[in-house]
Each structure stands twice: as structure tokens, then as C-alpha cells.
Amino acid sequence: MSGAEVDLYDRHPINAEQVLAAVAAAGGDPQRPGAADLRPHDQDHYGGVEAVLALAAAAGIADGQTIADICAGIGGPARLIAERWPGVRVVALDLNEGRCRDARWLNRLVGLDGRVSVVRADAQRVPLSASGIDVAISQEAMLHIPDKLAVMRSVLAALKPGGRFAFTDLVAAPALTESERQAIATGGMQMVNIQSTAQYRKMSVAAGFEVVQVDDLSADWVGILTERMEMYRSLRQATLDVHGGDAHDRYMAGYEVFVGLVRAGHLGGARIVLRRPLD
């Protein structure tokens, strides 16, 4: 991955400082929050808690498992999974140093640092023991990664036989043009090498996976992303307080182009569940 994809999240509107400020604004204690206090603010993925739980159900997460969250950001879904399944261990991987720092900070504040470990790593080369993971998940992260096949092969190697990799991602519709691809790749969002659903199916098999299911989330994402765009607009001052400069305006310029393409039907969303075959 290039520095541009990593740096994108150095000016993201959702960050640990903003989350804790929101906890305080809601009447909570930002010095000693509970995980439930963070939850309305730290689920930095399309669809929030419900989407995380739907992905976990599709992945077959159960107590006693070891879970890898690929490109975990500030760790909201990893913490949610650790709460809902007290017997799991979660490894949260992300390449951005700031996101890893925020995840560790929030994990420690809510007392989950013993069950959610944070590893700074490139998803194209997952540094996990071979066949040591029961389930891997990822949410809206592959869209930033140029070599998606490398991610799949790396995750496959880390999974136990029969283990599942469940992820949600942006997918290209037939109407998406080359100029639109260029706009989302270089216009601030760093959404690169976007695949269609059919291409993802083919790539998954090439990586060695069995395709369990593919769900079309496009209709749901139109409303979710429209609301999310308005939420980001409302965070302008909070983003400037943390990142300064023109961070918010630069982020929103690219985000509005992206959401416009989703609303026009040129981009969509999918939940894809893969399985490593039994040896």
C-alpha cells in the first residue's frame, strides 16, 4: 500500500479524541468509560453495530475462537465482538500507526486490552501464525488495498482449515467509468482497484477459498452513506480540533464524490463470506 492510503486515516473525522469528546458530551466519563459508552461513537463502518453483528453471524463467530479483524481501525468492532463473545480472543490489525494507537488507548480505557490485541501490519502480508485463526473479518477496507488477491492469500494461510473470512467492501457496478475510478482513487478517498462482485468471486477461488455466500448491500448502503455523510459534516469542528488545517474539508470533498457514485448506482456494496477448505 502507498502512503496515501495510510495517511487518509490521519485526517479521518472519527478518532479516539472525537469518540471520548462525544462520550463526555453524552454525560459519560471520558477518563473511565465503559465499552457501551464508546459504542455509539466508535463503530467506524457502514451500518454500525447491526452491520458488525450481521458480519459476525455470517462468519460463524463463537466463544473460544481466535478472531482476526483485518484493517481494524480504532477497534470498535473488535471491542464489540470481545464484549458479545466473552470467550474469544481478537487480534486487530491495521497499517496506520495512529489508528493502532487510538485502538490501544480505547481498549485500555474500557479494560479490554487483555482480550483485544492490536498489531500494526499490512493486510497484504498478515503476520499471524499459519493455520492459527478461526475467523477473519474485515469491513470496507479492501477498497484501499491495491493487491486484494494478496490479502486473500495471506488470510487463507492464517486461517485454520474450515475457517471463514467474511468481509464487506465496495464493489463496482457496470456503470462505473474509468474517469470515476480515477476520481475515487486519487480524489482523497484512495479507493483503488475496485472489483465487481463477479471479479471478487473469481479472485476468491483463485486464492484457494470456497465461496459460501455473497450478499448485495447496495440498496442499504445508499441510505447509510447519505446519513454518514451528514454526520461527517457535523463533525467539522471536532475534526479540526484534532487534525487542524484543512483536514475536514479535504476529506469531505472526496467523500461527497464517493457517496454521489453510490447514490447514482455506479458503486455498490457486498458482504462476502469465504471458507478455507478442509485439508
Protein backbone atom coordinates (compact mmCIF):
# COMPACT_ATOMS: atom_id res chain seq x y z
CA MET A 1 0.00 0.00 0.00
CA SER A 2 1.12 3.55 -0.65
CA GLY A 3 1.47 6.25 1.95
CA ALA A 4 -1.64 7.97 0.57
CA GLU A 5 -3.95 5.14 1.69
CA VAL A 6 -2.37 5.13 5.14
CA ASP A 7 -2.35 8.93 5.51
CA LEU A 8 -6.05 9.14 4.64
CA TYR A 9 -6.85 7.99 8.17
CA ASP A 10 -4.59 10.59 9.76
CA ARG A 11 -7.33 13.12 8.98
CA HIS A 12 -10.38 10.91 9.49
CA PRO A 13 -13.35 12.55 11.26
CA ILE A 14 -13.70 9.58 13.64
CA ASN A 15 -10.75 9.22 16.03
CA ALA A 16 -10.18 8.46 19.72
CA GLU A 17 -10.25 12.11 20.77
CA GLN A 18 -13.55 12.69 18.97
CA VAL A 19 -15.04 9.49 20.44
CA LEU A 20 -14.12 10.49 24.00
CA ALA A 21 -15.39 14.03 23.46
CA ALA A 22 -18.70 12.54 22.34
CA VAL A 23 -18.79 10.35 25.46
CA ALA A 24 -18.30 13.45 27.61
CA ALA A 25 -20.99 15.36 25.68
CA ALA A 26 -23.41 12.50 26.37
CA GLY A 27 -22.73 12.78 30.12
CA GLY A 28 -20.22 9.94 30.42
CA ASP A 29 -16.76 9.92 31.97
CA PRO A 30 -14.13 10.09 29.19
CA GLN A 31 -11.44 9.07 31.67
CA ARG A 32 -13.22 5.87 32.69
CA PRO A 33 -15.76 5.00 30.01
CA GLY A 34 -17.41 1.64 29.65
CA ALA A 35 -17.37 -0.15 26.32
CA ALA A 36 -21.09 0.65 25.99
CA ASP A 37 -20.26 4.37 26.32
CA LEU A 38 -17.97 4.15 23.27
CA ARG A 39 -20.27 2.07 21.14
CA PRO A 40 -22.48 4.85 19.71
CA HIS A 41 -19.35 6.64 18.52
CA ASP A 42 -16.58 4.11 17.70
CA GLN A 43 -18.23 1.85 15.09
CA ASP A 44 -16.40 3.31 12.10
CA HIS A 45 -18.05 1.10 9.48
CA TYR A 46 -21.13 1.28 7.30
CA GLY A 47 -24.17 0.24 9.32
CA GLY A 48 -22.71 0.42 12.82
CA VAL A 49 -23.39 -2.24 15.44
CA GLU A 50 -26.01 -4.06 13.36
CA ALA A 51 -23.61 -4.47 10.44
CA VAL A 52 -20.86 -5.81 12.69
CA LEU A 53 -23.20 -8.36 14.27
CA ALA A 54 -24.54 -9.42 10.85
CA LEU A 55 -20.98 -9.95 9.64
CA ALA A 56 -20.11 -11.89 12.80
CA ALA A 57 -23.15 -14.13 12.30
CA ALA A 58 -22.22 -14.78 8.67
CA ALA A 59 -18.67 -15.59 9.77
CA GLY A 60 -19.91 -18.03 12.42
CA ILE A 61 -18.12 -16.37 15.34
CA ALA A 62 -18.45 -18.40 18.56
CA ASP A 63 -16.94 -18.41 22.04
CA GLY A 64 -13.46 -19.87 22.32
CA GLN A 65 -12.34 -18.73 18.88
CA THR A 66 -9.45 -16.54 17.83
CA ILE A 67 -10.65 -13.76 15.55
CA ALA A 68 -8.57 -11.54 13.25
CA ASP A 69 -10.02 -8.14 12.33
CA ILE A 70 -8.20 -7.06 9.17
CA CYS A 71 -7.77 -3.27 8.89
CA ALA A 72 -9.47 -2.80 12.26
CA GLY A 73 -9.11 0.98 12.53
CA ILE A 74 -9.73 2.30 16.05
CA GLY A 75 -11.06 -1.11 17.09
CA GLY A 76 -14.80 -0.54 17.60
CA PRO A 77 -15.92 -3.84 16.00
CA ALA A 78 -13.11 -5.77 17.73
CA ARG A 79 -14.27 -4.45 21.11
CA LEU A 80 -17.92 -5.19 20.29
CA ILE A 81 -17.07 -8.80 19.39
CA ALA A 82 -14.99 -9.22 22.56
CA GLU A 83 -17.97 -7.97 24.59
CA ARG A 84 -20.59 -10.14 22.92
CA TRP A 85 -18.48 -13.31 22.96
CA PRO A 86 -16.51 -13.21 26.25
CA GLY A 87 -14.55 -16.35 25.37
CA VAL A 88 -12.99 -15.05 22.15
CA ARG A 89 -9.59 -13.50 21.60
CA VAL A 90 -9.42 -10.78 18.97
CA VAL A 91 -6.34 -9.64 17.04
CA ALA A 92 -6.93 -6.21 15.49
CA LEU A 93 -4.57 -5.43 12.61
CA ASP A 94 -4.12 -2.05 10.94
CA LEU A 95 -1.34 -0.39 8.97
CA ASN A 96 -1.97 3.15 10.18
CA GLU A 97 0.09 3.86 13.29
CA GLY A 98 -2.38 6.48 14.57
CA ARG A 99 -5.33 4.10 14.28
CA CYS A 100 -3.39 1.43 16.18
CA ARG A 101 -2.52 3.95 18.89
CA ASP A 102 -6.17 5.00 19.20
CA ALA A 103 -7.33 1.36 19.35
CA ARG A 104 -4.86 0.52 22.13
CA TRP A 105 -5.88 3.64 24.06
CA LEU A 106 -9.60 2.89 23.87
CA ASN A 107 -9.08 -0.82 24.62
CA ARG A 108 -7.15 0.10 27.74
CA LEU A 109 -9.73 2.64 28.92
CA VAL A 110 -12.55 0.07 28.79
CA GLY A 111 -10.50 -2.82 30.19
CA LEU A 112 -10.40 -4.93 27.02
CA ASP A 113 -6.67 -4.65 26.30
CA GLY A 114 -6.16 -8.17 27.67
CA ARG A 115 -8.55 -9.68 25.12
CA VAL A 116 -8.14 -7.39 22.11
CA SER A 117 -4.54 -7.13 20.95
CA VAL A 118 -3.51 -4.56 18.34
CA VAL A 119 -0.89 -5.29 15.69
CA ARG A 120 0.41 -2.78 13.16
CA ALA A 121 0.55 -4.73 9.92
CA ASP A 122 -0.03 -4.68 6.17
CA ALA A 123 -3.07 -6.79 5.25
CA GLN A 124 -1.25 -7.97 2.13
CA ARG A 125 1.20 -9.76 4.46
CA VAL A 126 -0.74 -10.75 7.59
CA PRO A 127 1.83 -11.53 10.33
CA LEU A 128 -0.15 -14.32 12.01
CA SER A 129 0.78 -17.93 12.64
CA ALA A 130 -0.14 -20.31 9.86
CA SER A 131 -3.50 -22.00 10.48
CA GLY A 132 -3.88 -20.21 13.83
CA ILE A 133 -7.07 -18.16 13.26
CA ASP A 134 -10.64 -19.47 13.42
CA VAL A 135 -12.30 -16.50 11.72
CA ALA A 136 -11.15 -13.35 9.92
CA ILE A 137 -13.36 -10.35 9.29
CA SER A 138 -12.89 -7.03 7.53
CA GLN A 139 -15.18 -4.07 6.83
CA GLU A 140 -14.80 -1.60 3.99
CA ALA A 141 -11.02 -1.96 3.96
CA MET A 142 -10.16 -3.95 0.86
CA LEU A 143 -11.21 -0.92 -1.20
CA HIS A 144 -8.00 0.83 -0.11
CA ILE A 145 -5.69 -2.11 -0.88
CA PRO A 146 -4.19 -2.45 -4.38
CA ASP A 147 -3.42 -6.19 -4.26
CA LYS A 148 -6.62 -7.73 -2.97
CA LEU A 149 -5.56 -11.22 -4.07
CA ALA A 150 -2.50 -10.93 -1.81
CA VAL A 151 -4.79 -10.14 1.13
CA MET A 152 -6.93 -13.19 0.41
CA ARG A 153 -3.94 -15.49 0.14
CA SER A 154 -2.42 -14.07 3.32
CA VAL A 155 -5.67 -14.51 5.26
CA LEU A 156 -6.16 -18.03 3.86
CA ALA A 157 -2.75 -19.06 5.19
CA ALA A 158 -3.60 -17.70 8.67
CA LEU A 159 -6.97 -19.49 8.87
CA LYS A 160 -7.47 -22.95 10.26
CA PRO A 161 -8.91 -25.48 7.78
CA GLY A 162 -12.63 -24.78 7.59
CA GLY A 163 -12.14 -21.24 8.91
CA ARG A 164 -14.07 -18.36 7.39
CA PHE A 165 -13.12 -14.95 6.04
CA ALA A 166 -16.14 -12.63 5.99
CA PHE A 167 -15.80 -9.08 4.71
CA THR A 168 -17.82 -6.18 3.38
CA ASP A 169 -16.50 -4.00 0.60
CA LEU A 170 -17.25 -1.51 -2.11
CA VAL A 171 -18.00 -3.13 -5.48
CA ALA A 172 -18.07 -1.73 -8.99
CA ALA A 173 -21.35 -1.66 -10.92
CA PRO A 174 -21.32 -1.91 -14.73
CA ALA A 175 -21.99 1.84 -14.99
CA LEU A 176 -18.74 2.81 -13.22
CA THR A 177 -16.50 4.62 -15.70
CA GLU A 178 -12.72 4.84 -15.83
CA SER A 179 -12.85 8.55 -15.03
CA GLU A 180 -14.97 7.77 -11.96
CA ARG A 181 -12.49 5.10 -10.89
CA GLN A 182 -9.74 7.68 -11.19
CA ALA A 183 -11.75 10.21 -9.16
CA ILE A 184 -12.19 7.91 -6.16
CA ALA A 185 -8.62 6.61 -6.42
CA THR A 186 -6.92 10.00 -6.42
CA GLY A 187 -9.52 12.47 -5.16
CA GLY A 188 -8.78 11.98 -1.49
CA MET A 189 -10.55 8.68 -0.75
CA GLN A 190 -7.79 6.38 -2.08
CA MET A 191 -10.27 3.73 -3.24
CA VAL A 192 -8.13 1.65 -5.56
CA ASN A 193 -8.62 -1.31 -7.90
CA ILE A 194 -12.34 -1.63 -7.11
CA GLN A 195 -13.69 -5.05 -8.08
CA SER A 196 -17.11 -6.16 -9.21
CA THR A 197 -18.93 -8.93 -7.35
CA ALA A 198 -18.14 -11.35 -10.17
CA GLN A 199 -14.45 -10.42 -10.03
CA TYR A 200 -14.41 -10.98 -6.28
CA ARG A 201 -15.90 -14.46 -6.75
CA LYS A 202 -13.23 -15.33 -9.29
CA MET A 203 -10.45 -13.87 -7.14
CA SER A 204 -11.63 -15.77 -4.07
CA VAL A 205 -11.44 -19.10 -5.87
CA ALA A 206 -8.02 -18.19 -7.30
CA ALA A 207 -6.80 -17.54 -3.75
CA GLY A 208 -7.92 -21.02 -2.68
CA PHE A 209 -11.22 -20.20 -0.93
CA GLU A 210 -14.65 -21.69 -1.30
CA VAL A 211 -17.34 -19.01 -1.74
CA VAL A 212 -20.03 -19.52 0.92
CA GLN A 213 -22.29 -16.55 0.18
CA VAL A 214 -22.38 -13.13 -1.43
CA ASP A 215 -24.97 -10.61 -0.25
CA ASP A 216 -25.81 -7.42 -2.14
CA LEU A 217 -25.81 -4.48 0.30
CA SER A 218 -26.07 -1.74 -2.32
CA ALA A 219 -29.62 -0.59 -1.56
CA ASP A 220 -28.91 -0.45 2.18
CA TRP A 221 -25.70 1.50 1.67
CA VAL A 222 -27.41 4.36 -0.17
CA GLY A 223 -29.25 5.42 2.97
CA ILE A 224 -26.41 4.53 5.35
CA LEU A 225 -23.83 6.54 3.43
CA THR A 226 -26.12 9.52 2.94
CA GLU A 227 -26.67 9.69 6.71
CA ARG A 228 -22.97 9.09 7.34
CA MET A 229 -22.04 11.98 5.06
CA GLU A 230 -24.26 14.32 7.08
CA MET A 231 -22.75 13.01 10.30
CA TYR A 232 -19.23 13.71 9.00
CA ARG A 233 -20.30 17.25 8.04
CA SER A 234 -21.46 17.79 11.62
CA LEU A 235 -18.01 16.77 12.90
CA ARG A 236 -16.16 19.56 11.09
CA GLN A 237 -15.10 21.45 14.20
CA ALA A 238 -14.25 18.27 16.12
CA THR A 239 -12.06 17.14 13.21
CA LEU A 240 -10.31 20.49 13.02
CA ASP A 241 -9.74 20.44 16.79
CA VAL A 242 -7.84 17.15 16.43
CA HIS A 243 -6.22 17.37 12.99
CA GLY A 244 -6.18 21.11 12.30
CA GLY A 245 -5.68 22.78 8.92
CA ASP A 246 -7.99 21.79 6.08
CA ALA A 247 -8.22 18.11 7.08
CA HIS A 248 -12.00 18.03 7.27
CA ASP A 249 -12.65 19.85 4.00
CA ARG A 250 -10.15 17.69 2.11
CA TYR A 251 -11.73 14.51 3.46
CA MET A 252 -15.29 15.65 2.71
CA ALA A 253 -14.50 16.70 -0.86
CA GLY A 254 -13.56 13.13 -1.74
CA TYR A 255 -16.30 11.60 0.39
CA GLU A 256 -19.04 13.53 -1.35
CA VAL A 257 -17.85 12.29 -4.76
CA PHE A 258 -17.83 8.72 -3.46
CA VAL A 259 -21.32 8.91 -1.94
CA GLY A 260 -22.62 10.50 -5.13
CA LEU A 261 -21.46 7.46 -7.10
CA VAL A 262 -23.17 5.10 -4.65
CA ARG A 263 -26.40 7.07 -4.87
CA ALA A 264 -26.17 7.02 -8.68
CA GLY A 265 -25.78 3.23 -8.69
CA HIS A 266 -22.26 3.28 -10.13
CA LEU A 267 -20.84 1.81 -6.92
CA GLY A 268 -22.43 -0.71 -4.57
CA GLY A 269 -21.67 -2.81 -1.54
CA ALA A 270 -21.35 -6.52 -0.84
CA ARG A 271 -20.88 -8.88 2.09
CA ILE A 272 -18.74 -11.82 1.01
CA VAL A 273 -18.21 -14.96 3.08
CA LEU A 274 -15.39 -17.33 2.17
CA ARG A 275 -14.23 -20.61 3.65
CA ARG A 276 -10.82 -22.24 3.70
CA PRO A 277 -11.34 -25.82 2.50
CA LEU A 278 -10.71 -28.68 4.89
CA ASP A 279 -7.29 -30.22 4.33
